[in-house]
Amino acid sequence: MVEPLSAVSPLDGRYAGYTEPLRAYVSERALVRARTRVEIEYLVALADLDATPVSIADSDRDGLRRVYRAFDIADAQRIKQLETEGDSNRPATNHDVKAVEYFVRDHLPADVGGEWVHFGLTSEDVNNIAYRLVLGPAAEEVLLERLRGLREQLTTMAREHRDVPMLARTHGQPATPTTFGKELAVYASRLGQAIASLERAVGGLSGKLAGASGTYAAHRAAYPDVDWRAFARAFVEGFDLAHEPLTTQVNPSDDLATLFDALRRVNNVLLDLALDCWLYISDGYLGQQAVAGETGSSTMPHKVNPIDFENSEGNLSKANSDLEFLGGYLTNSRLQRDLSDSTVKRNVGAALAHCLLGYRKLEDGLEKVVPNEQVMREDLEATPEVLGEAVQTILRREGHGDAYERVKKATRGQDVTLADFRDLFGDLDVSAEVREELLALTPAGYTGLADELVDQLE
C-alpha cells in the first residue's frame, strides 16, 4: 500500500480512511479477481457442454473456484508480474486479460488442457462482465448502504424537529413560514426516490459474451451445432446480470450510463442539501458543535466553519463531473471497437470514491448541527409581513375581491409590524369572529400542515 503522504490522489492519501471500504470492490486487485472468476466460470461452463471434450470433476471445480474465492494480494501481484515482467516460461504479455488467462492455466487440474481457458473469447467478453461484478456490489454494498443510513439520519432529524417554526425563503426573500423538520423531510423524500432509481440501475446491469465482433463467429466455427446464444445468456445471467444479445465487440455500456446518471441524481439531491445547510449556518439557523482542539481559521480563532458541508459539496461536484464524463464517453466506440474506453474505465473507482467521501462528509456535518430555535423565532417575529398571504386568503374567502391589492399596498417593500396588520384589521368590514381569527395569526403559528407532512416519510 502506498504511504498516504506519497499518494498521487487524495483518495488514497488524505482521504484514504474514508474511501477504504471501496478497495475490496473497485481496486485493480478487485478487478483482476473478477476477471479470474469470469475465466474460471467460463471454463466450467464449457465443460458442461456435451459438444466439448472438456471434463472437470466436482472436486477440481471446487479447487478452481477456490482460486478466485481465496484470491489475495499475492495472486494479484502474480498476474501483474505476468503482464509487466513475464517469468522464466513466458515473456511479459503487456496485456492484462492475457495475464489472467496464463494465471488460470497455472491452476488447472492436470487433465484439463490450457487451450480451453479463454476459448473463443475476446478480452471484452471477460472485461465487460468483470467490471459489472465489481461496480454492482460497490454500489449496492457500499454506496447504497451509506445512502440508506443517510436517509434514515435525515428522517430522524425531520421527526425530531417537525414543529420547529422557521422562516422560509423563496428567491432569497422572506416567504411563508415552514418548519425545519418539514424541510429536512423534503430532502429525505427526494433522497428516497433517488435511492430507488439507483437500486433499479444496479439491478439493470448487463453483460455480453459474443466474441470479437459480437457475432459468436469463433464459437460457431469450432462447434456449429451448439446454441451459443442460449449458452451466452445462461452464462451472463449466472452472474445476476441481464444478457445483452446485440453488441459489437464491446458491451455498449448504456447500463453503466444509467447507473452513473442515477448516482448523479442522488448527488444532486445531496448537493442541494449541503448548500442549504451551509446557508442555514450562515444565517444562524443552525449552530455547530465545536470540536475540541480543531482550528477553524489560521488567523481568526473564533471561527467554526461549515467545513464538512463544503467538503461534501466539493466532492459531490467532482463525482458528478466524473460520472457525466464516464456516462458519455463509455457509450461511444468507433465502429466495432476502439480501446480508448479501457483507460477511462479504470477511473470508475475514483468517481465512486468521491461519491462516498461526499456522503460521509455530509453525515459528519449533519451530526454536528443543532437548530437554533431562538434565532429562528426571532427572525419570524421580525418579519410579520409573511402573514400577508394568510390575511389576503382569509379575506378572499369572505368575499373581498380587492384583498390581495389591499394587503400588497400595506406590506410590499415596507417595514411592517404586527401592529400595522392589526390597524388594517380594524378597518376591515368583517365579522367579529373573522377579526379575531385574523388577530390570532402569528408568523410562528403560520406553518400550515408542515409538522404533519413529516408523516409522509416511510
Protein backbone atom coordinates (compact mmCIF):
# COMPACT_ATOMS: atom_id res chain seq x y z
CA MET A 1 0.00 0.00 0.00
CA VAL A 2 1.26 3.48 -0.87
CA GLU A 3 2.19 5.61 2.13
CA PRO A 4 -0.66 8.20 2.25
CA LEU A 5 1.62 11.23 2.06
CA SER A 6 3.18 9.81 -1.11
CA ALA A 7 -0.12 9.09 -2.89
CA VAL A 8 -0.80 10.94 -6.13
CA SER A 9 -4.53 11.09 -5.43
CA PRO A 10 -6.04 12.40 -2.18
CA LEU A 11 -8.48 9.49 -2.40
CA ASP A 12 -5.64 7.13 -1.47
CA GLY A 13 -3.82 9.76 0.56
CA ARG A 14 -5.52 12.37 2.68
CA TYR A 15 -8.93 10.68 2.47
CA ALA A 16 -7.80 7.06 2.49
CA GLY A 17 -9.65 6.34 5.72
CA TYR A 18 -12.92 7.49 4.18
CA THR A 19 -12.56 5.62 0.88
CA GLU A 20 -11.10 2.39 2.28
CA PRO A 21 -14.43 0.48 2.11
CA LEU A 22 -14.30 0.65 -1.71
CA ARG A 23 -10.91 -1.04 -2.06
CA ALA A 24 -12.40 -4.51 -1.86
CA TYR A 25 -14.71 -3.63 -4.75
CA VAL A 26 -13.14 -1.25 -7.27
CA SER A 27 -9.39 -1.53 -6.78
CA GLU A 28 -7.28 -3.07 -9.55
CA ARG A 29 -6.89 -6.13 -7.34
CA ALA A 30 -10.67 -6.48 -7.17
CA LEU A 31 -10.96 -6.15 -10.95
CA VAL A 32 -8.27 -8.77 -11.56
CA ARG A 33 -10.05 -11.12 -9.17
CA ALA A 34 -13.32 -10.58 -11.07
CA ARG A 35 -11.61 -11.37 -14.36
CA THR A 36 -10.23 -14.55 -12.84
CA ARG A 37 -13.72 -15.50 -11.69
CA VAL A 38 -15.16 -14.98 -15.18
CA GLU A 39 -12.42 -17.05 -16.84
CA ILE A 40 -12.85 -19.93 -14.39
CA GLU A 41 -16.63 -19.97 -14.56
CA TYR A 42 -16.44 -19.87 -18.35
CA LEU A 43 -14.15 -22.90 -18.35
CA VAL A 44 -16.58 -24.76 -16.08
CA ALA A 45 -19.48 -23.80 -18.36
CA LEU A 46 -17.59 -25.16 -21.37
CA ALA A 47 -17.11 -28.43 -19.50
CA ASP A 48 -20.88 -28.67 -19.07
CA LEU A 49 -21.39 -28.69 -22.85
CA ASP A 50 -21.80 -32.13 -24.40
CA ALA A 51 -20.07 -30.91 -27.54
CA THR A 52 -16.71 -30.17 -25.92
CA PRO A 53 -14.23 -32.80 -24.70
CA VAL A 54 -13.57 -30.82 -21.51
CA SER A 55 -14.30 -32.70 -18.30
CA ILE A 56 -13.78 -31.28 -14.82
CA ALA A 57 -14.53 -33.36 -11.73
CA ASP A 58 -16.55 -31.80 -8.93
CA SER A 59 -13.54 -31.72 -6.63
CA ASP A 60 -11.50 -30.00 -9.31
CA ARG A 61 -14.29 -27.46 -9.87
CA ASP A 62 -14.21 -26.66 -6.18
CA GLY A 63 -10.46 -26.24 -6.39
CA LEU A 64 -10.72 -23.91 -9.36
CA ARG A 65 -13.33 -21.79 -7.65
CA ARG A 66 -11.15 -21.53 -4.56
CA VAL A 67 -8.64 -19.72 -6.80
CA TYR A 68 -10.87 -16.66 -7.06
CA ARG A 69 -12.69 -17.07 -3.77
CA ALA A 70 -9.42 -17.08 -1.83
CA PHE A 71 -7.79 -14.59 -4.19
CA ASP A 72 -5.26 -12.47 -2.28
CA ILE A 73 -2.73 -9.75 -2.95
CA ALA A 74 -0.05 -12.31 -3.86
CA ASP A 75 -2.30 -13.63 -6.63
CA ALA A 76 -2.90 -10.13 -7.94
CA GLN A 77 0.83 -9.44 -7.87
CA ARG A 78 1.50 -12.66 -9.75
CA ILE A 79 -0.90 -11.63 -12.52
CA LYS A 80 0.71 -8.20 -12.64
CA GLN A 81 4.11 -9.86 -12.98
CA LEU A 82 2.89 -11.93 -15.92
CA GLU A 83 1.62 -8.76 -17.55
CA THR A 84 4.62 -6.49 -17.00
CA GLU A 85 7.65 -8.76 -16.47
CA GLY A 86 6.77 -12.29 -17.51
CA ASP A 87 8.58 -15.24 -15.93
CA SER A 88 11.06 -17.95 -16.88
CA ASN A 89 8.47 -19.64 -19.11
CA ARG A 90 6.75 -16.65 -20.70
CA PRO A 91 7.65 -13.12 -21.77
CA ALA A 92 5.59 -10.21 -20.45
CA THR A 93 2.13 -10.21 -22.03
CA ASN A 94 1.70 -6.42 -21.88
CA HIS A 95 -1.97 -7.41 -21.80
CA ASP A 96 -3.91 -7.59 -18.58
CA VAL A 97 -6.52 -10.17 -19.60
CA LYS A 98 -3.94 -12.44 -21.24
CA ALA A 99 -2.03 -12.39 -17.97
CA VAL A 100 -5.17 -13.60 -16.19
CA GLU A 101 -5.52 -16.39 -18.76
CA TYR A 102 -1.99 -17.60 -18.03
CA PHE A 103 -2.59 -17.35 -14.29
CA VAL A 104 -5.68 -19.56 -14.61
CA ARG A 105 -3.76 -22.03 -16.77
CA ASP A 106 -1.22 -22.41 -13.97
CA HIS A 107 -4.02 -23.56 -11.64
CA LEU A 108 -5.68 -26.12 -13.93
CA PRO A 109 -6.14 -29.75 -12.98
CA ALA A 110 -3.59 -31.97 -14.73
CA ASP A 111 -6.16 -33.45 -17.10
CA VAL A 112 -7.54 -30.12 -18.37
CA GLY A 113 -5.72 -28.55 -21.29
CA GLY A 114 -4.77 -24.87 -21.16
CA GLU A 115 -6.23 -24.33 -24.63
CA TRP A 116 -9.72 -24.32 -23.10
CA VAL A 117 -9.06 -21.27 -20.96
CA HIS A 118 -10.40 -18.19 -22.77
CA PHE A 119 -11.59 -20.45 -25.62
CA GLY A 120 -13.25 -18.39 -28.38
CA LEU A 121 -13.33 -15.25 -26.24
CA THR A 122 -12.23 -11.70 -26.80
CA SER A 123 -10.92 -9.73 -23.84
CA GLU A 124 -14.06 -7.62 -23.74
CA ASP A 125 -16.15 -10.72 -23.10
CA VAL A 126 -14.27 -11.05 -19.82
CA ASN A 127 -13.80 -7.37 -19.04
CA ASN A 128 -17.38 -6.20 -19.50
CA ILE A 129 -18.68 -8.81 -17.07
CA ALA A 130 -15.81 -8.28 -14.63
CA TYR A 131 -16.42 -4.54 -14.41
CA ARG A 132 -20.06 -5.10 -13.60
CA LEU A 133 -19.12 -7.68 -10.99
CA VAL A 134 -17.18 -5.00 -9.13
CA LEU A 135 -19.38 -1.98 -9.84
CA GLY A 136 -22.69 -3.57 -8.90
CA PRO A 137 -21.63 -4.72 -5.42
CA ALA A 138 -19.71 -1.48 -4.83
CA ALA A 139 -22.87 0.50 -5.48
CA GLU A 140 -25.10 -1.89 -3.52
CA GLU A 141 -22.95 -2.79 -0.53
CA VAL A 142 -21.03 0.45 -0.03
CA LEU A 143 -22.79 3.44 -1.59
CA LEU A 144 -26.40 2.36 -1.18
CA GLU A 145 -25.79 1.14 2.34
CA ARG A 146 -24.38 4.57 3.20
CA LEU A 147 -27.21 6.37 1.44
CA ARG A 148 -29.87 4.41 3.27
CA GLY A 149 -28.21 5.35 6.54
CA LEU A 150 -28.08 8.98 5.47
CA ARG A 151 -31.77 8.95 4.60
CA GLU A 152 -32.57 7.45 7.99
CA GLN A 153 -30.47 10.19 9.61
CA LEU A 154 -32.49 12.84 7.78
CA THR A 155 -35.77 11.12 8.64
CA THR A 156 -34.89 11.03 12.33
CA MET A 157 -33.92 14.70 12.31
CA ALA A 158 -37.08 15.63 10.42
CA ARG A 159 -39.27 13.92 13.00
CA GLU A 160 -37.33 15.39 15.90
CA HIS A 161 -37.68 18.97 14.60
CA ARG A 162 -41.04 18.63 12.86
CA ASP A 163 -42.64 21.51 14.76
CA VAL A 164 -39.70 23.94 14.94
CA PRO A 165 -41.01 27.01 13.05
CA MET A 166 -38.66 28.63 10.58
CA LEU A 167 -38.85 31.46 8.10
CA ALA A 168 -38.89 30.11 4.57
CA ARG A 169 -37.19 31.99 1.77
CA THR A 170 -38.12 31.97 -1.88
CA HIS A 171 -35.89 33.93 -4.24
CA GLY A 172 -33.80 34.54 -1.11
CA GLN A 173 -36.56 36.69 0.37
CA PRO A 174 -38.83 36.11 3.40
CA ALA A 175 -41.69 33.80 2.48
CA THR A 176 -44.44 31.76 4.10
CA PRO A 177 -43.09 30.09 7.29
CA THR A 178 -42.30 26.40 7.40
CA THR A 179 -40.71 24.09 9.94
CA PHE A 180 -37.13 22.89 9.97
CA GLY A 181 -38.31 19.30 10.20
CA LYS A 182 -40.53 19.61 7.15
CA GLU A 183 -37.65 20.98 5.08
CA LEU A 184 -35.46 18.03 6.09
CA ALA A 185 -38.36 15.70 5.25
CA VAL A 186 -38.36 17.09 1.71
CA TYR A 187 -34.74 16.01 1.33
CA ALA A 188 -35.37 12.63 2.92
CA SER A 189 -38.22 12.06 0.45
CA ARG A 190 -36.18 13.14 -2.55
CA LEU A 191 -33.26 11.01 -1.45
CA GLY A 192 -35.56 8.01 -1.06
CA GLN A 193 -36.76 8.39 -4.64
CA ALA A 194 -33.19 8.79 -5.90
CA ILE A 195 -32.11 5.70 -3.98
CA ALA A 196 -34.91 3.72 -5.64
CA SER A 197 -33.65 4.84 -9.06
CA LEU A 198 -30.12 3.81 -8.14
CA GLU A 199 -31.35 0.41 -6.98
CA ARG A 200 -33.07 -0.12 -10.32
CA ALA A 201 -29.93 0.89 -12.18
CA VAL A 202 -27.84 -1.59 -10.20
CA GLY A 203 -30.39 -4.30 -10.94
CA GLY A 204 -30.27 -3.43 -14.65
CA LEU A 205 -26.57 -4.05 -15.26
CA SER A 206 -25.96 -6.24 -18.30
CA GLY A 207 -23.22 -8.37 -19.81
CA LYS A 208 -22.26 -9.76 -23.22
CA LEU A 209 -20.38 -12.85 -24.39
CA ALA A 210 -20.39 -12.80 -28.19
CA GLY A 211 -16.81 -12.71 -29.39
CA ALA A 212 -14.62 -10.28 -31.28
CA SER A 213 -17.38 -8.60 -33.32
CA GLY A 214 -20.44 -9.70 -31.40
CA THR A 215 -21.22 -12.50 -33.89
CA TYR A 216 -20.16 -15.66 -31.99
CA ALA A 217 -18.00 -16.38 -35.04
CA ALA A 218 -15.18 -18.28 -33.33
CA HIS A 219 -17.59 -20.27 -31.20
CA ARG A 220 -19.71 -21.29 -34.19
CA ALA A 221 -16.68 -22.16 -36.29
CA ALA A 222 -15.50 -24.56 -33.61
CA TYR A 223 -18.87 -26.05 -32.66
CA PRO A 224 -21.60 -25.09 -35.15
CA ASP A 225 -24.25 -27.26 -33.53
CA VAL A 226 -24.11 -25.56 -30.13
CA ASP A 227 -26.73 -22.90 -29.37
CA TRP A 228 -24.19 -20.27 -28.40
CA ARG A 229 -26.77 -17.57 -27.88
CA ALA A 230 -28.51 -19.67 -25.25
CA PHE A 231 -25.15 -20.55 -23.75
CA ALA A 232 -24.16 -16.88 -23.51
CA ARG A 233 -27.48 -15.89 -21.98
CA ALA A 234 -27.27 -18.58 -19.32
CA PHE A 235 -23.66 -17.72 -18.59
CA VAL A 236 -24.23 -13.99 -18.19
CA GLU A 237 -27.41 -14.42 -16.19
CA GLY A 238 -25.48 -16.75 -13.90
CA PHE A 239 -23.75 -13.62 -12.60
CA ASP A 240 -27.13 -11.95 -11.89
CA LEU A 241 -26.68 -9.71 -14.91
CA ALA A 242 -29.09 -9.12 -17.76
CA HIS A 243 -27.90 -10.55 -21.08
CA GLU A 244 -27.07 -8.07 -23.84
CA PRO A 245 -27.71 -10.02 -27.08
CA LEU A 246 -26.84 -7.41 -29.72
CA THR A 247 -23.38 -5.87 -29.42
CA THR A 248 -20.21 -5.13 -31.29
CA GLN A 249 -17.02 -6.33 -29.63
CA VAL A 250 -17.96 -4.15 -26.67
CA ASN A 251 -20.95 -4.03 -24.42
CA PRO A 252 -22.45 -0.63 -25.38
CA SER A 253 -22.40 0.42 -21.69
CA ASP A 254 -25.80 2.05 -21.77
CA ASP A 255 -26.44 0.24 -18.50
CA LEU A 256 -23.37 1.89 -16.97
CA ALA A 257 -24.56 5.28 -18.19
CA THR A 258 -27.88 4.63 -16.44
CA LEU A 259 -26.02 3.73 -13.25
CA PHE A 260 -23.88 6.86 -13.43
CA ASP A 261 -26.92 9.03 -14.13
CA ALA A 262 -28.67 7.53 -11.11
CA LEU A 263 -25.68 8.34 -8.94
CA ARG A 264 -25.67 11.90 -10.25
CA ARG A 265 -29.34 12.22 -9.34
CA VAL A 266 -28.54 11.11 -5.79
CA ASN A 267 -25.63 13.53 -5.66
CA ASN A 268 -27.72 16.43 -6.91
CA VAL A 269 -30.19 15.95 -4.07
CA LEU A 270 -27.37 15.88 -1.54
CA LEU A 271 -25.62 18.86 -3.12
CA ASP A 272 -28.82 20.84 -2.69
CA LEU A 273 -28.97 19.76 0.96
CA ALA A 274 -25.32 20.66 1.61
CA LEU A 275 -25.81 24.12 0.13
CA ASP A 276 -28.96 24.76 2.18
CA CYS A 277 -27.26 23.62 5.39
CA TRP A 278 -24.38 25.98 4.62
CA LEU A 279 -26.83 28.86 4.21
CA TYR A 280 -28.74 27.95 7.39
CA ILE A 281 -25.44 28.01 9.28
CA SER A 282 -24.60 31.38 7.72
CA ASP A 283 -28.00 32.73 8.83
CA GLY A 284 -27.53 31.38 12.34
CA TYR A 285 -30.45 28.95 11.99
CA LEU A 286 -28.08 26.05 12.61
CA GLY A 287 -25.43 26.02 15.28
CA GLN A 288 -22.34 23.83 15.01
CA GLN A 289 -20.79 21.80 17.76
CA ALA A 290 -17.18 22.87 18.11
CA VAL A 291 -14.66 20.02 18.07
CA ALA A 292 -12.10 20.30 20.86
CA GLY A 293 -8.68 21.23 19.52
CA GLU A 294 -9.94 21.92 15.99
CA THR A 295 -8.85 25.11 14.23
CA GLY A 296 -11.37 26.96 12.10
CA SER A 297 -9.06 29.66 10.79
CA SER A 298 -5.32 30.22 10.97
CA THR A 299 -5.90 33.88 11.82
CA MET A 300 -9.42 34.14 13.29
CA PRO A 301 -9.56 31.99 16.43
CA HIS A 302 -13.33 32.27 16.85
CA LYS A 303 -14.24 30.57 13.56
CA VAL A 304 -16.26 27.33 13.46
CA ASN A 305 -16.52 26.80 9.72
CA PRO A 306 -19.04 24.53 7.95
CA ILE A 307 -16.15 22.53 6.50
CA ASP A 308 -17.96 19.19 6.31
CA PHE A 309 -20.73 20.64 4.12
CA GLU A 310 -18.15 22.42 1.98
CA ASN A 311 -16.10 19.25 1.63
CA SER A 312 -19.21 17.30 0.72
CA GLU A 313 -20.17 19.91 -1.86
CA GLY A 314 -16.75 19.78 -3.46
CA ASN A 315 -16.56 16.00 -3.63
CA LEU A 316 -20.10 15.52 -4.88
CA SER A 317 -19.45 18.11 -7.59
CA LYS A 318 -16.23 16.32 -8.58
CA ALA A 319 -18.05 12.99 -8.59
CA ASN A 320 -20.78 14.37 -10.84
CA SER A 321 -18.23 15.75 -13.26
CA ASP A 322 -16.54 12.35 -13.46
CA LEU A 323 -19.83 10.47 -13.73
CA GLU A 324 -21.10 12.68 -16.54
CA PHE A 325 -17.84 12.15 -18.42
CA LEU A 326 -17.91 8.38 -17.89
CA GLY A 327 -21.54 8.05 -18.91
CA GLY A 328 -20.96 9.98 -22.11
CA TYR A 329 -17.61 8.50 -23.04
CA LEU A 330 -18.24 4.83 -22.43
CA THR A 331 -21.36 4.71 -24.58
CA ASN A 332 -19.33 5.60 -27.69
CA SER A 333 -16.97 3.27 -29.54
CA ARG A 334 -15.56 3.78 -33.01
CA LEU A 335 -17.01 1.18 -35.38
CA GLN A 336 -16.86 -2.25 -33.74
CA ARG A 337 -14.22 -1.40 -31.11
CA ASP A 338 -11.58 1.07 -30.06
CA LEU A 339 -9.52 0.83 -26.92
CA SER A 340 -9.86 4.35 -25.55
CA ASP A 341 -12.55 3.20 -23.13
CA SER A 342 -10.08 0.85 -21.44
CA THR A 343 -8.08 3.55 -19.71
CA VAL A 344 -11.22 5.58 -18.99
CA LYS A 345 -12.93 2.66 -17.21
CA ARG A 346 -10.03 2.46 -14.79
CA ASN A 347 -11.33 5.70 -13.27
CA VAL A 348 -14.76 4.46 -12.25
CA GLY A 349 -13.45 3.66 -8.79
CA ALA A 350 -12.33 7.24 -8.30
CA ALA A 351 -15.79 8.54 -9.23
CA LEU A 352 -17.39 6.22 -6.70
CA ALA A 353 -14.82 7.24 -4.10
CA HIS A 354 -15.69 10.92 -4.49
CA CYS A 355 -19.36 9.93 -4.04
CA LEU A 356 -18.59 8.03 -0.84
CA LEU A 357 -16.45 10.84 0.51
CA GLY A 358 -19.24 13.33 -0.19
CA TYR A 359 -21.78 11.15 1.61
CA ARG A 360 -19.61 10.63 4.65
CA LYS A 361 -18.72 14.32 4.99
CA LEU A 362 -22.41 15.22 4.76
CA GLU A 363 -23.16 12.73 7.53
CA ASP A 364 -20.43 14.32 9.64
CA GLY A 365 -21.87 17.76 9.05
CA LEU A 366 -25.41 16.75 9.96
CA GLU A 367 -24.19 15.13 13.17
CA LYS A 368 -22.64 18.42 14.29
CA VAL A 369 -25.52 20.82 13.63
CA VAL A 370 -28.25 21.81 16.08
CA PRO A 371 -31.25 24.00 15.14
CA ASN A 372 -31.09 27.37 16.89
CA GLU A 373 -34.78 27.73 17.66
CA GLN A 374 -34.37 31.13 19.31
CA VAL A 375 -32.77 32.65 16.22
CA MET A 376 -35.44 31.12 14.00
CA ARG A 377 -38.27 32.53 16.15
CA GLU A 378 -36.66 35.96 16.38
CA ASP A 379 -36.35 36.05 12.60
CA LEU A 380 -40.01 35.11 12.25
CA GLU A 381 -41.11 37.79 14.72
CA ALA A 382 -39.07 40.35 12.81
CA THR A 383 -40.85 39.57 9.52
CA PRO A 384 -44.60 39.70 10.23
CA GLU A 385 -45.21 40.67 6.62
CA VAL A 386 -45.16 36.94 5.81
CA LEU A 387 -48.69 36.88 7.24
CA GLY A 388 -49.84 38.80 4.17
CA GLU A 389 -50.62 35.57 2.36
CA ALA A 390 -52.86 34.33 5.19
CA VAL A 391 -54.63 37.68 5.53
CA GLN A 392 -55.46 38.11 1.87
CA THR A 393 -56.57 34.48 1.56
CA ILE A 394 -58.96 34.73 4.51
CA LEU A 395 -60.33 37.99 3.13
CA ARG A 396 -60.87 36.38 -0.27
CA ARG A 397 -62.85 33.68 1.50
CA GLU A 398 -65.03 36.41 3.00
CA GLY A 399 -65.74 37.91 -0.44
CA HIS A 400 -63.24 40.77 -0.54
CA GLY A 401 -62.28 40.95 -4.20
CA ASP A 402 -59.57 43.54 -3.56
CA ALA A 403 -57.97 41.62 -0.68
CA TYR A 404 -54.69 40.95 -2.45
CA GLU A 405 -54.29 44.56 -3.58
CA ARG A 406 -55.06 45.97 -0.11
CA VAL A 407 -52.51 43.74 1.61
CA LYS A 408 -49.95 44.37 -1.11
CA LYS A 409 -50.32 48.14 -0.70
CA ALA A 410 -49.84 47.84 3.06
CA THR A 411 -46.84 45.48 3.03
CA ARG A 412 -44.84 45.28 -0.20
CA GLY A 413 -41.42 46.84 0.11
CA GLN A 414 -42.19 48.24 3.55
CA ASP A 415 -41.19 47.51 7.12
CA VAL A 416 -44.32 46.04 8.63
CA THR A 417 -45.18 45.26 12.25
CA LEU A 418 -47.94 43.19 13.76
CA ALA A 419 -49.45 46.47 14.95
CA ASP A 420 -49.68 47.60 11.32
CA PHE A 421 -51.63 44.47 10.49
CA ARG A 422 -53.95 44.99 13.43
CA ASP A 423 -54.62 48.53 12.27
CA LEU A 424 -55.50 47.08 8.89
CA PHE A 425 -57.84 44.57 10.52
CA GLY A 426 -59.63 47.37 12.36
CA ASP A 427 -60.59 49.00 9.07
CA LEU A 428 -61.98 45.83 7.52
CA ASP A 429 -65.66 45.17 7.01
CA VAL A 430 -65.65 41.69 8.57
CA SER A 431 -67.46 39.95 11.40
CA ALA A 432 -66.07 39.92 14.92
CA GLU A 433 -65.25 36.23 14.54
CA VAL A 434 -63.19 36.82 11.39
CA ARG A 435 -61.44 39.77 13.03
CA GLU A 436 -60.48 37.55 15.97
CA GLU A 437 -59.27 34.93 13.51
CA LEU A 438 -57.01 37.50 11.86
CA LEU A 439 -55.75 38.88 15.16
CA ALA A 440 -54.75 35.37 16.26
CA LEU A 441 -52.35 34.98 13.33
CA THR A 442 -48.63 34.88 14.19
CA PRO A 443 -45.64 34.13 11.97
CA ALA A 444 -44.52 31.23 14.17
CA GLY A 445 -48.00 29.74 14.11
CA TYR A 446 -48.49 30.08 10.37
CA THR A 447 -46.86 26.82 9.30
CA GLY A 448 -49.87 25.07 7.83
CA LEU A 449 -49.55 21.29 7.80
CA ALA A 450 -45.77 21.36 7.91
CA ASP A 451 -45.45 19.19 11.01
CA GLU A 452 -47.97 16.65 9.71
CA LEU A 453 -46.25 16.41 6.32
CA VAL A 454 -43.28 14.81 8.03
CA ASP A 455 -45.50 11.75 8.50
CA GLN A 456 -45.41 11.26 4.73
CA LEU A 457 -41.98 9.73 5.23
CA GLU A 458 -41.98 5.96 5.47
